[in-house]
Protein backbone atom coordinates (compact mmCIF):
# COMPACT_ATOMS: atom_id res chain seq x y z
CA MET A 1 139.93 -155.54 28.88
CA LYS A 2 137.77 -154.84 31.95
CA PHE A 3 139.76 -151.68 32.55
CA MET A 4 139.03 -150.51 29.01
CA LEU A 5 135.31 -151.18 29.42
CA ALA A 6 135.27 -149.27 32.70
CA VAL A 7 137.03 -146.32 31.08
CA LEU A 8 134.62 -146.33 28.14
CA SER A 9 131.60 -146.48 30.50
CA LEU A 10 132.98 -143.56 32.51
CA LEU A 11 133.59 -141.52 29.37
CA THR A 12 130.06 -142.29 28.16
CA ILE A 13 128.54 -141.17 31.47
CA VAL A 14 130.62 -138.01 31.49
CA GLY A 15 129.58 -137.34 27.89
CA PHE A 16 125.89 -137.68 28.76
CA LYS A 17 126.32 -135.47 31.79
CA ASP A 18 128.11 -132.71 29.85
CA GLU A 19 125.55 -132.87 27.06
CA PHE A 20 122.65 -132.68 29.57
CA ILE A 21 124.08 -129.63 31.38
CA THR A 22 125.05 -127.90 28.11
CA ASP A 23 121.51 -128.36 26.79
CA PHE A 24 120.10 -126.80 29.98
CA ASP A 25 122.51 -123.85 29.77
CA GLN A 26 121.41 -123.13 26.20
CA LYS A 27 117.72 -123.17 27.15
CA VAL A 28 118.37 -120.82 30.08
CA ASN A 29 120.40 -118.41 27.92
CA GLU A 30 117.65 -118.27 25.31
CA ALA A 31 114.84 -117.77 27.85
CA TYR A 32 116.16 -115.12 30.29
CA SER A 33 117.18 -111.53 29.63
CA GLU A 34 119.59 -111.68 32.59
CA TYR A 35 120.35 -114.48 35.03
CA ALA A 36 122.66 -115.76 37.74
CA VAL A 37 123.83 -119.37 38.30
CA THR A 38 124.63 -121.39 41.45
CA GLU A 39 125.98 -124.97 41.23
CA TYR A 40 126.33 -127.92 43.58
CA TYR A 41 127.97 -131.27 42.69
CA ASN A 42 129.10 -134.36 44.59
CA GLN A 43 130.07 -137.89 43.54
CA ASN A 44 126.40 -138.98 43.28
CA TYR A 45 124.45 -136.11 41.76
CA GLY A 46 124.56 -132.45 40.75
CA ILE A 47 122.24 -129.43 40.78
CA LYS A 48 122.47 -126.17 38.85
CA LEU A 49 120.16 -123.41 40.15
CA VAL A 50 119.25 -120.42 37.97
CA LYS A 51 117.46 -117.19 38.90
CA GLY A 52 116.83 -114.41 36.45
CA LEU A 53 114.52 -111.97 34.73
CA LEU A 54 111.85 -113.51 32.51
CA ASP A 55 109.16 -111.24 31.04
CA GLY A 56 109.98 -108.61 33.67
CA GLU A 57 109.64 -111.00 36.64
CA VAL A 58 112.16 -112.94 38.69
CA ARG A 59 111.93 -116.66 37.98
CA TYR A 60 113.85 -119.64 39.31
CA GLY A 61 114.83 -122.82 37.48
CA PHE A 62 117.18 -125.74 38.00
CA CYS A 63 118.52 -128.93 36.50
CA PHE A 64 119.23 -132.14 38.44
CA TYR A 65 121.58 -134.89 37.28
CA SER A 66 122.16 -138.30 38.93
CA GLU A 67 125.57 -139.86 38.21
CA ASN A 68 123.95 -143.33 38.05
CA SER A 69 120.59 -143.47 36.36
CA LYS A 70 117.69 -143.20 38.82
CA ASP A 71 119.88 -143.75 41.91
CA TYR A 72 118.65 -140.38 43.18
CA TYR A 73 115.60 -138.30 42.42
CA VAL A 74 114.58 -134.73 43.18
CA ARG A 75 111.43 -133.08 44.51
CA VAL A 76 110.38 -129.47 45.22
CA SER A 77 109.01 -128.53 48.64
CA TYR A 78 106.60 -125.61 48.30
CA GLN A 79 103.95 -124.32 50.72
CA ASN A 80 104.38 -127.37 52.97
CA LYS A 81 103.75 -129.82 50.13
CA ILE A 82 106.04 -132.04 48.07
CA TYR A 83 105.88 -131.74 44.29
CA GLN A 84 107.49 -133.61 41.43
CA LEU A 85 108.65 -132.38 38.02
CA PRO A 86 108.82 -133.94 34.53
CA THR A 87 111.87 -136.20 34.11
CA ASP A 88 113.73 -137.88 31.27
CA GLY A 89 114.50 -141.58 30.89
CA ARG A 90 117.30 -141.43 33.48
CA GLY A 91 115.14 -139.64 36.03
CA ASP A 92 116.95 -136.31 35.54
CA VAL A 93 115.16 -132.94 35.58
CA GLN A 94 115.36 -129.77 33.49
CA ALA A 95 113.07 -126.99 34.75
CA VAL A 96 114.11 -123.75 33.02
CA ALA A 97 111.57 -121.57 34.86
CA LEU A 98 109.30 -122.67 37.72
CA ASN A 99 105.84 -121.22 38.05
CA LEU A 100 106.26 -119.78 41.57
CA LYS A 101 105.06 -116.49 43.05
CA GLU A 102 107.26 -113.60 44.17
CA GLY A 103 107.95 -113.63 47.91
CA ASP A 104 107.20 -117.35 48.30
CA MET A 105 109.73 -119.86 49.59
CA PHE A 106 110.70 -123.26 48.17
CA SER A 107 113.33 -125.98 48.65
CA ILE A 108 115.01 -128.46 46.32
CA VAL A 109 115.07 -131.87 48.05
CA VAL A 110 117.06 -134.92 46.87
CA TYR A 111 116.10 -138.50 47.83
CA ASN A 112 117.94 -141.80 47.68
CA SER A 113 115.92 -144.15 45.46
CA ARG A 114 116.79 -147.29 47.44
CA SER A 115 116.25 -146.09 51.00
CA LYS A 116 113.71 -143.36 50.10
CA SER A 117 115.60 -141.19 52.59
CA GLN A 118 116.24 -137.48 52.12
CA GLU A 119 119.82 -136.41 51.40
CA PRO A 120 121.36 -134.22 54.12
CA PHE A 121 122.61 -131.39 51.86
CA SER A 122 121.10 -127.95 52.57
CA GLU A 123 122.50 -125.66 49.87
CA PHE A 124 119.11 -125.15 48.21
CA LYS A 125 116.77 -125.21 51.20
CA ASN A 126 114.29 -122.42 52.00
CA ILE A 127 114.99 -120.33 48.90
CA GLN A 128 112.95 -117.12 48.96
CA ILE A 129 111.92 -115.79 45.57
CA MET A 130 113.41 -112.29 45.41
CA LYS A 131 111.90 -109.16 43.96
CA LYS A 132 113.09 -107.58 40.74
CA THR A 133 114.78 -104.73 42.63
CA GLU A 134 116.74 -107.24 44.69
CA PHE A 135 117.86 -109.15 41.61
CA GLU A 136 119.13 -105.96 39.94
CA THR A 137 121.62 -105.52 42.82
CA LEU A 138 123.28 -108.88 42.09
CA GLU A 139 126.73 -109.09 40.58
CA ASP A 140 128.23 -111.76 38.31
CA THR A 141 125.10 -112.11 36.19
CA PHE A 142 124.86 -113.26 32.57
CA ILE A 143 123.00 -111.56 29.71
CA GLY A 144 120.61 -113.82 27.81
CA LEU A 145 118.64 -113.68 24.57
CA ASN A 146 115.32 -112.89 26.32
CA LYS A 147 113.22 -115.15 24.03
CA GLY A 148 111.06 -116.40 26.88
CA THR A 149 109.87 -119.94 27.62
CA ASN A 150 106.94 -121.87 29.04
CA LEU A 151 106.78 -122.05 32.83
CA THR A 152 107.09 -125.46 34.50
CA ASN A 153 104.14 -126.22 36.77
CA LEU A 154 104.62 -128.22 39.93
CA LYS A 155 102.82 -131.58 39.99
CA SER A 156 101.51 -133.09 43.21
CA GLU A 157 103.32 -136.27 44.15
CA ILE A 158 101.05 -139.32 44.15
CA LYS A 159 101.82 -142.00 46.73
CA PHE A 160 99.90 -145.25 46.73
CA ASP A 161 99.33 -147.12 49.95
CA PRO A 162 99.91 -150.90 49.45
CA ASP A 163 96.45 -151.55 50.87
CA LEU A 164 95.00 -149.25 48.23
CA TRP A 165 96.31 -151.54 45.48
CA LEU A 166 94.47 -154.46 47.14
CA TYR A 167 91.22 -152.49 47.30
CA LEU A 168 91.58 -151.43 43.67
CA SER A 169 92.24 -155.04 42.62
CA VAL A 170 89.13 -156.28 44.43
CA LEU A 171 87.08 -153.45 42.96
CA GLY A 172 88.40 -154.32 39.50
CA ILE A 173 87.37 -157.98 39.91
CA VAL A 174 83.90 -156.96 41.11
CA LEU A 175 83.43 -154.59 38.18
CA LEU A 176 84.64 -157.28 35.74
CA CYS A 177 82.15 -159.82 37.16
CA ALA A 178 79.37 -157.24 36.99
CA LEU A 179 80.25 -156.53 33.35
CA VAL A 180 80.17 -160.26 32.46
CA ILE A 181 76.80 -160.72 34.20
CA PHE A 182 75.41 -157.66 32.40
CA ILE A 183 76.58 -159.01 29.02
CA TYR A 184 74.98 -162.40 29.73
CA TYR A 185 71.78 -160.65 30.82
CA LYS A 186 71.59 -158.51 27.67
CA ARG A 187 72.26 -161.53 25.43
CA ARG A 188 69.94 -163.81 27.47
CA GLN A 189 72.68 -166.41 27.90
CA GLY A 190 73.51 -168.78 30.76
CA LEU A 191 71.08 -168.59 33.69
CA PHE A 192 69.26 -165.76 31.92
CA ASN A 193 68.23 -168.15 29.13
CA GLN A 194 64.65 -169.22 29.83
CA GLU A 195 65.14 -172.62 28.17
CA ILE A 196 68.11 -173.46 30.41
CA ARG A 197 66.30 -172.29 33.55
CA SER A 198 63.33 -174.49 32.76
CA GLN A 199 65.41 -177.67 32.34
CA ASN A 200 64.98 -180.41 35.00
CA VAL A 201 62.33 -178.38 36.85
CA PHE A 202 59.17 -180.18 37.92
CA ASN A 203 56.18 -178.46 36.37
CA PHE A 204 53.09 -179.36 38.35
CA ARG A 205 50.64 -177.85 35.88
CA GLU A 206 52.09 -180.01 33.09
CA PHE A 207 51.98 -183.02 35.38
CA ILE A 208 48.31 -182.45 36.23
CA SER A 209 47.42 -181.85 32.60
CA SER A 210 49.18 -185.01 31.39
CA ASN A 211 47.88 -187.30 34.16
CA PHE A 212 44.28 -186.16 34.39
CA GLU A 213 43.50 -185.45 30.73
CA VAL A 214 40.33 -187.26 29.73
CA PRO A 215 41.08 -189.53 26.78
CA GLY A 216 39.39 -188.50 23.57
CA THR A 217 39.29 -184.76 24.44
CA SER A 218 42.65 -183.74 22.92
CA SER A 219 42.79 -181.12 20.24
CA GLN A 220 44.03 -183.54 17.59
CA SER A 221 41.87 -183.60 14.50
CA TYR A 222 40.91 -186.98 13.09
CA GLU A 223 39.76 -187.99 9.67
CA GLU A 224 36.40 -189.58 9.46
CA THR A 225 38.02 -192.90 8.59
CA ASP A 226 39.85 -192.95 11.95
CA PHE A 227 36.65 -193.72 13.87
CA GLU A 228 35.28 -197.21 14.20
CA VAL A 229 31.61 -197.76 13.55
CA ILE A 230 29.98 -198.98 16.75
CA GLU A 231 26.76 -200.93 16.59
CA GLU A 232 23.90 -199.39 18.52
CA ASP A 233 23.38 -202.57 20.53
CA ASP A 234 26.99 -202.55 21.72
CA GLU A 235 27.13 -198.84 22.62
CA GLU A 236 26.15 -199.28 26.27
CA GLU A 237 28.57 -202.18 26.75
CA THR A 238 31.46 -200.28 25.13
CA SER A 239 30.88 -197.19 27.28
CA SER A 240 30.80 -199.32 30.39
CA SER A 241 34.02 -201.17 29.58
CA PHE A 242 35.79 -197.91 28.67
CA PHE A 243 34.77 -196.35 32.02
CA ASP A 244 35.84 -199.45 33.91
CA GLU A 245 39.23 -199.46 32.23
CA HIS A 246 40.13 -195.82 32.82
CA TYR A 247 38.12 -194.79 35.85
CA SER A 248 37.75 -197.94 37.88
CA TRP A 249 38.89 -196.07 40.98
CA ALA A 250 35.76 -193.90 40.76
CA ARG A 251 33.48 -196.90 41.45
CA GLU A 252 35.16 -197.61 44.74
CA GLU A 253 34.32 -195.45 47.71
CA GLU A 254 37.53 -195.20 49.68
CA GLU A 255 37.38 -194.75 53.39
CA ARG A 256 39.17 -191.64 54.71
CA THR A 257 42.37 -192.33 56.58
CA ASP A 258 42.19 -189.14 58.63
CA PHE A 259 45.98 -188.95 58.26
CA ASP A 260 47.30 -185.63 59.69
CA VAL A 261 48.95 -184.24 56.55
CA ASN A 262 49.78 -180.87 58.16
CA SER A 263 51.67 -182.45 61.07
CA TYR A 264 53.50 -184.75 58.68
CA LEU A 265 54.63 -181.85 56.49
CA GLN A 266 55.64 -179.73 59.50
CA ASP A 267 57.76 -182.63 60.81
CA LYS A 268 59.44 -182.67 57.42
CA GLY A 269 60.28 -178.98 57.83
CA PHE A 270 57.68 -177.59 55.42
CA ILE A 271 55.49 -174.51 55.91
CA THR A 272 51.82 -175.47 55.76
CA ASP A 273 50.53 -171.98 55.03
CA TYR A 274 50.39 -172.65 51.30
CA SER A 275 49.50 -169.08 50.35
CA ILE A 276 53.01 -167.78 51.14
CA LEU A 277 54.97 -170.56 49.42
CA SER A 278 56.90 -170.23 46.19
CA GLU A 279 56.27 -172.53 43.25
CA GLU A 280 59.45 -174.52 43.97
CA GLU A 281 58.36 -175.12 47.58
CA LYS A 282 54.91 -176.22 46.42
CA ASN A 283 56.50 -178.68 44.00
CA LEU A 284 58.44 -180.26 46.88
CA ILE A 285 55.25 -180.62 48.97
CA MET A 286 53.57 -182.09 45.90
CA LEU A 287 56.16 -184.84 45.79
CA GLU A 288 55.53 -185.62 49.47
CA LEU A 289 51.77 -185.88 48.83
CA MET A 290 52.37 -188.22 45.91
CA LEU A 291 54.57 -190.37 48.15
CA LEU A 292 51.84 -190.56 50.84
CA ARG A 293 49.28 -191.52 48.20
CA ASP A 294 51.50 -194.25 46.71
CA LYS A 295 52.17 -195.67 50.20
CA LYS A 296 48.39 -195.75 50.81
CA GLN A 297 48.81 -193.48 53.85
CA ILE A 298 46.18 -191.20 52.37
CA THR A 299 43.38 -191.96 49.95
CA ARG A 300 43.16 -190.62 46.45
CA ASP A 301 40.36 -188.30 47.53
CA GLU A 302 42.46 -186.92 50.42
CA TYR A 303 45.37 -186.53 48.02
CA LEU A 304 43.24 -184.53 45.57
CA GLU A 305 41.75 -182.38 48.34
CA GLU A 306 45.20 -181.50 49.72
CA THR A 307 46.49 -180.83 46.21
CA ALA A 308 43.61 -178.45 45.56
CA LYS A 309 44.43 -176.58 48.79
CA LEU A 310 48.08 -176.44 47.85
CA TRP A 311 47.55 -174.86 44.43
CA LYS A 312 44.57 -172.72 45.31
CA LYS A 313 45.12 -169.09 44.28
């Protein structure tokens, strides 16, 4: 059974090979008015080289066939550069007429796909493109249909350095991140959302407004029935009790502690030149001042004086 499968595989490969070469021969016969053929085959691959007259000029073409698909591949060496040609699914090449100039020299080079090494054969090395007068002296030529064909252009071989793939990957990640940030910025999402950025941030101006607002001066509107009628005789007593309740600290003259706030803040690592500080840094100093006030290390008056310096514009 294995022998039969091997025989069938061999027949299939031979069939593909014959069909590939026959197809190339037909294209050559249709394109050229007159042409000559040179062949080279071994157990691994085969090359058929054609030179002939096409639109009054001498052109060269060739086909390359690997016995095992993609085991070998072919390149063209021209003007000290390596070029590749269009291939089929097996990696084989059909180039009916190369776009090369008269008098130039080229080579057909075969490589081993596994080792990437160049094959040692030299039958088609340093081929000089002959003139029309030279071609007309050749014998054993074939007459074609002279229908013409499109010329095959050589394509520069692109080789990627492994490090280049790493650089391209990093660049791709950077560009992707930049794109995501740009989308978030345009849509005002994430950190670009003002509501999210303002969460859990100490707002000193709000704090001052809420803590030092004089009762009774808010913008709320009251109906006339909301107010209590105060007897004239009790007016002075009511005002006095109200002041005592809310502003009792104002009746007491606190002695200054002469606490060195600047030195204290500098020891804590703060900059005491308030004019160059950001709002976040001022908020942190504000917390330190509140702590000193609560611990009675500075008086309320000293606290308010330092606060005024801190937020002075």
